[in-house]
């Protein structure tokens, strides 16, 4: 009885590790795809967003410097990614 229980616990432990590993691979794949899409968007629409950034709604005005900084980081990352691919 105790051997069966230990075997069942080992089986569940192995199964849990496999499930977590597969979930992690799935999540990193989707995050990678989403990141690439965001960087591509940033590179393609850089001029549009730079033009619209000063005209944020009043509720977002306090966050304008932070949003501008984040946008700049995104654009730099997109340029870097494009250079690496070339």
N, C-alpha and C. Protein backbone atom coordinates (compact mmCIF):
# COMPACT_ATOMS: atom_id res chain seq x y z
N UNK A 1 0.83 -1.20 0.00
CA UNK A 1 0.00 0.00 0.00
C UNK A 1 0.87 1.25 0.00
N UNK A 2 1.88 1.26 0.86
CA UNK A 2 2.74 2.43 0.97
C UNK A 2 3.57 2.60 -0.32
N UNK A 3 3.97 1.49 -0.94
CA UNK A 3 4.72 1.56 -2.18
C UNK A 3 3.86 2.14 -3.29
N UNK A 4 2.60 1.72 -3.33
CA UNK A 4 1.67 2.26 -4.33
C UNK A 4 1.48 3.77 -4.17
N UNK A 5 1.34 4.17 -2.92
CA UNK A 5 1.15 5.58 -2.63
C UNK A 5 2.39 6.39 -3.05
N UNK A 6 3.56 5.87 -2.74
CA UNK A 6 4.80 6.56 -3.12
C UNK A 6 4.91 6.63 -4.64
N UNK A 7 4.52 5.56 -5.33
CA UNK A 7 4.55 5.57 -6.80
C UNK A 7 3.59 6.57 -7.38
N UNK A 8 2.42 6.68 -6.78
CA UNK A 8 1.42 7.64 -7.25
C UNK A 8 1.90 9.08 -7.02
N UNK A 9 2.52 9.31 -5.88
CA UNK A 9 3.04 10.65 -5.59
C UNK A 9 4.16 11.00 -6.57
N UNK A 10 5.05 10.03 -6.85
CA UNK A 10 6.11 10.27 -7.83
C UNK A 10 5.54 10.57 -9.20
N UNK A 11 4.53 9.82 -9.59
CA UNK A 11 3.90 10.04 -10.89
C UNK A 11 3.30 11.44 -10.97
N UNK A 12 2.60 11.87 -9.93
CA UNK A 12 2.01 13.21 -9.91
C UNK A 12 3.08 14.30 -9.94
N UNK A 13 4.17 14.06 -9.22
CA UNK A 13 5.25 15.04 -9.20
C UNK A 13 5.87 15.19 -10.58
N UNK A 14 6.13 14.09 -11.26
CA UNK A 14 6.69 14.13 -12.62
C UNK A 14 5.70 14.79 -13.57
N UNK A 15 4.44 14.46 -13.43
CA UNK A 15 3.41 15.04 -14.30
C UNK A 15 3.31 16.55 -14.10
N UNK A 16 3.37 16.99 -12.85
CA UNK A 16 3.29 18.41 -12.54
C UNK A 16 4.50 19.15 -13.12
N UNK A 17 5.69 18.58 -12.99
CA UNK A 17 6.89 19.21 -13.54
C UNK A 17 6.77 19.31 -15.06
N UNK A 18 6.28 18.26 -15.71
CA UNK A 18 6.10 18.30 -17.17
C UNK A 18 5.08 19.36 -17.58
N UNK A 19 3.97 19.45 -16.85
CA UNK A 19 2.94 20.44 -17.16
C UNK A 19 3.46 21.86 -17.00
N UNK A 20 4.21 22.10 -15.92
CA UNK A 20 4.76 23.43 -15.70
C UNK A 20 5.76 23.78 -16.80
N UNK A 21 6.58 22.80 -17.19
CA UNK A 21 7.57 23.04 -18.24
C UNK A 21 6.88 23.37 -19.57
N UNK A 22 5.83 22.63 -19.92
CA UNK A 22 5.09 22.90 -21.16
C UNK A 22 4.40 24.26 -21.09
N UNK A 23 3.81 24.58 -19.95
CA UNK A 23 3.15 25.87 -19.80
C UNK A 23 4.15 27.01 -19.92
N UNK A 24 5.33 26.82 -19.36
CA UNK A 24 6.35 27.85 -19.44
C UNK A 24 6.81 28.05 -20.88
N UNK A 25 7.00 26.97 -21.61
CA UNK A 25 7.39 27.08 -23.02
C UNK A 25 6.30 27.78 -23.82
N UNK A 26 5.04 27.43 -23.57
CA UNK A 26 3.92 28.06 -24.27
C UNK A 26 3.88 29.54 -23.96
N UNK A 27 4.03 29.90 -22.69
CA UNK A 27 3.97 31.31 -22.29
C UNK A 27 5.12 32.11 -22.89
N UNK A 28 6.32 31.56 -22.88
CA UNK A 28 7.45 32.31 -23.43
C UNK A 28 7.33 32.47 -24.93
N UNK A 29 6.77 31.49 -25.60
CA UNK A 29 6.55 31.61 -27.05
C UNK A 29 5.59 32.74 -27.35
N UNK A 30 4.48 32.79 -26.64
CA UNK A 30 3.49 33.84 -26.88
C UNK A 30 4.01 35.21 -26.47
N UNK A 31 4.77 35.28 -25.39
CA UNK A 31 5.36 36.56 -24.99
C UNK A 31 6.36 37.05 -26.03
N UNK A 32 7.12 36.12 -26.58
CA UNK A 32 8.08 36.48 -27.63
C UNK A 32 7.35 37.02 -28.86
N UNK A 33 6.28 36.34 -29.27
CA UNK A 33 5.51 36.81 -30.42
C UNK A 33 4.87 38.18 -30.15
N UNK A 34 4.32 38.36 -28.96
CA UNK A 34 3.70 39.63 -28.61
C UNK A 34 4.74 40.75 -28.57
N UNK A 35 5.89 40.46 -28.01
CA UNK A 35 6.97 41.45 -27.96
C UNK A 35 7.42 41.86 -29.35
N UNK A 36 7.56 40.89 -30.23
CA UNK A 36 7.96 41.20 -31.61
C UNK A 36 6.91 42.05 -32.29
N UNK A 37 5.64 41.74 -32.06
CA UNK A 37 4.56 42.52 -32.67
C UNK A 37 4.57 43.97 -32.16
N UNK A 38 4.77 44.15 -30.87
CA UNK A 38 4.81 45.50 -30.30
C UNK A 38 5.99 46.28 -30.85
N UNK A 39 7.15 45.63 -30.94
CA UNK A 39 8.33 46.33 -31.46
C UNK A 39 8.16 46.68 -32.93
N UNK A 40 7.55 45.79 -33.70
CA UNK A 40 7.29 46.07 -35.12
C UNK A 40 6.33 47.24 -35.25
N UNK A 41 5.29 47.25 -34.44
CA UNK A 41 4.33 48.36 -34.45
C UNK A 41 5.04 49.67 -34.10
N UNK A 42 5.89 49.63 -33.08
CA UNK A 42 6.60 50.83 -32.65
C UNK A 42 7.45 51.39 -33.79
N UNK A 43 8.11 50.53 -34.51
CA UNK A 43 8.97 50.99 -35.59
C UNK A 43 8.17 51.54 -36.76
N UNK A 44 7.05 50.90 -37.07
CA UNK A 44 6.25 51.31 -38.22
C UNK A 44 5.44 52.58 -37.95
N UNK A 45 5.08 52.82 -36.70
CA UNK A 45 4.21 53.97 -36.37
C UNK A 45 4.91 55.00 -35.50
N UNK A 46 6.21 55.04 -35.56
CA UNK A 46 6.98 55.95 -34.72
C UNK A 46 6.56 57.41 -34.93
N UNK A 47 6.46 57.84 -36.17
CA UNK A 47 6.13 59.24 -36.47
C UNK A 47 4.73 59.59 -36.00
N UNK A 48 3.79 58.68 -36.18
CA UNK A 48 2.40 58.95 -35.78
C UNK A 48 2.30 59.13 -34.27
N UNK A 49 2.90 58.22 -33.53
CA UNK A 49 2.81 58.29 -32.08
C UNK A 49 3.58 59.51 -31.55
N UNK A 50 4.74 59.80 -32.13
CA UNK A 50 5.49 60.99 -31.70
C UNK A 50 4.69 62.26 -31.92
N UNK A 51 3.88 62.28 -32.98
CA UNK A 51 3.04 63.44 -33.26
C UNK A 51 1.88 63.53 -32.27
N UNK A 52 1.30 62.40 -31.92
CA UNK A 52 0.11 62.39 -31.06
C UNK A 52 0.44 62.46 -29.56
N UNK A 53 1.66 62.10 -29.19
CA UNK A 53 2.02 62.05 -27.77
C UNK A 53 1.77 63.38 -27.04
N UNK A 54 2.08 64.55 -27.63
CA UNK A 54 1.80 65.80 -26.91
C UNK A 54 0.31 66.09 -26.72
N UNK A 55 -0.54 65.42 -27.47
CA UNK A 55 -1.99 65.69 -27.41
C UNK A 55 -2.75 64.63 -26.62
N UNK A 56 -2.13 64.12 -25.59
CA UNK A 56 -2.78 63.13 -24.74
C UNK A 56 -3.97 63.76 -24.03
N UNK A 57 -4.98 62.94 -23.68
CA UNK A 57 -6.10 63.47 -22.89
C UNK A 57 -5.60 64.01 -21.55
N UNK A 58 -6.37 64.91 -20.98
CA UNK A 58 -5.98 65.56 -19.73
C UNK A 58 -5.71 64.55 -18.62
N UNK A 59 -6.45 63.45 -18.62
CA UNK A 59 -6.26 62.45 -17.55
C UNK A 59 -4.89 61.77 -17.64
N UNK A 60 -4.30 61.76 -18.83
CA UNK A 60 -3.00 61.11 -19.01
C UNK A 60 -1.83 62.10 -19.00
N UNK A 61 -2.11 63.40 -18.97
CA UNK A 61 -1.05 64.41 -19.01
C UNK A 61 0.03 64.20 -17.93
N UNK A 62 -0.35 63.86 -16.69
CA UNK A 62 0.71 63.66 -15.69
C UNK A 62 1.67 62.53 -16.05
N UNK A 63 1.21 61.59 -16.87
CA UNK A 63 2.03 60.45 -17.23
C UNK A 63 2.77 60.66 -18.54
N UNK A 64 2.63 61.81 -19.15
CA UNK A 64 3.23 62.08 -20.45
C UNK A 64 4.74 61.83 -20.49
N UNK A 65 5.52 62.31 -19.50
CA UNK A 65 6.97 62.04 -19.55
C UNK A 65 7.30 60.55 -19.49
N UNK A 66 6.57 59.83 -18.66
CA UNK A 66 6.81 58.39 -18.52
C UNK A 66 6.43 57.67 -19.81
N UNK A 67 5.27 58.03 -20.38
CA UNK A 67 4.84 57.40 -21.62
C UNK A 67 5.82 57.72 -22.76
N UNK A 68 6.30 58.95 -22.80
CA UNK A 68 7.29 59.31 -23.81
C UNK A 68 8.57 58.52 -23.66
N UNK A 69 9.01 58.34 -22.42
CA UNK A 69 10.21 57.55 -22.17
C UNK A 69 10.01 56.09 -22.58
N UNK A 70 8.88 55.52 -22.18
CA UNK A 70 8.60 54.13 -22.56
C UNK A 70 8.53 53.98 -24.08
N UNK A 71 7.90 54.95 -24.74
CA UNK A 71 7.82 54.90 -26.20
C UNK A 71 9.22 54.96 -26.82
N UNK A 72 10.06 55.83 -26.29
CA UNK A 72 11.44 55.93 -26.78
C UNK A 72 12.20 54.63 -26.61
N UNK A 73 12.02 53.98 -25.48
CA UNK A 73 12.68 52.68 -25.24
C UNK A 73 12.17 51.64 -26.23
N UNK A 74 10.86 51.63 -26.48
CA UNK A 74 10.30 50.69 -27.45
C UNK A 74 10.87 50.91 -28.85
N UNK A 75 10.95 52.16 -29.25
CA UNK A 75 11.47 52.47 -30.58
C UNK A 75 12.94 52.07 -30.69
N UNK A 76 13.73 52.34 -29.66
CA UNK A 76 15.14 51.94 -29.68
C UNK A 76 15.28 50.43 -29.75
N UNK A 77 14.46 49.71 -29.00
CA UNK A 77 14.50 48.25 -29.04
C UNK A 77 14.12 47.74 -30.43
N UNK A 78 13.12 48.38 -31.04
CA UNK A 78 12.71 47.97 -32.38
C UNK A 78 13.81 48.22 -33.39
N UNK A 79 14.48 49.37 -33.30
CA UNK A 79 15.60 49.66 -34.21
C UNK A 79 16.72 48.64 -34.03
N UNK A 80 17.03 48.32 -32.78
CA UNK A 80 18.07 47.34 -32.49
C UNK A 80 17.71 45.98 -33.07
N UNK A 81 16.45 45.58 -32.90
CA UNK A 81 15.99 44.29 -33.43
C UNK A 81 16.11 44.28 -34.96
N UNK A 82 15.74 45.38 -35.59
CA UNK A 82 15.80 45.45 -37.05
C UNK A 82 17.25 45.38 -37.54
N UNK A 83 18.17 46.04 -36.83
CA UNK A 83 19.57 46.00 -37.22
C UNK A 83 20.16 44.61 -37.07
N UNK A 84 19.75 43.89 -36.03
CA UNK A 84 20.25 42.54 -35.82
C UNK A 84 19.78 41.60 -36.91
N UNK A 85 18.57 41.81 -37.40
CA UNK A 85 18.02 40.95 -38.45
C UNK A 85 18.62 41.24 -39.81
N UNK A 86 19.14 42.46 -39.99
CA UNK A 86 19.70 42.85 -41.29
C UNK A 86 21.08 42.30 -41.51
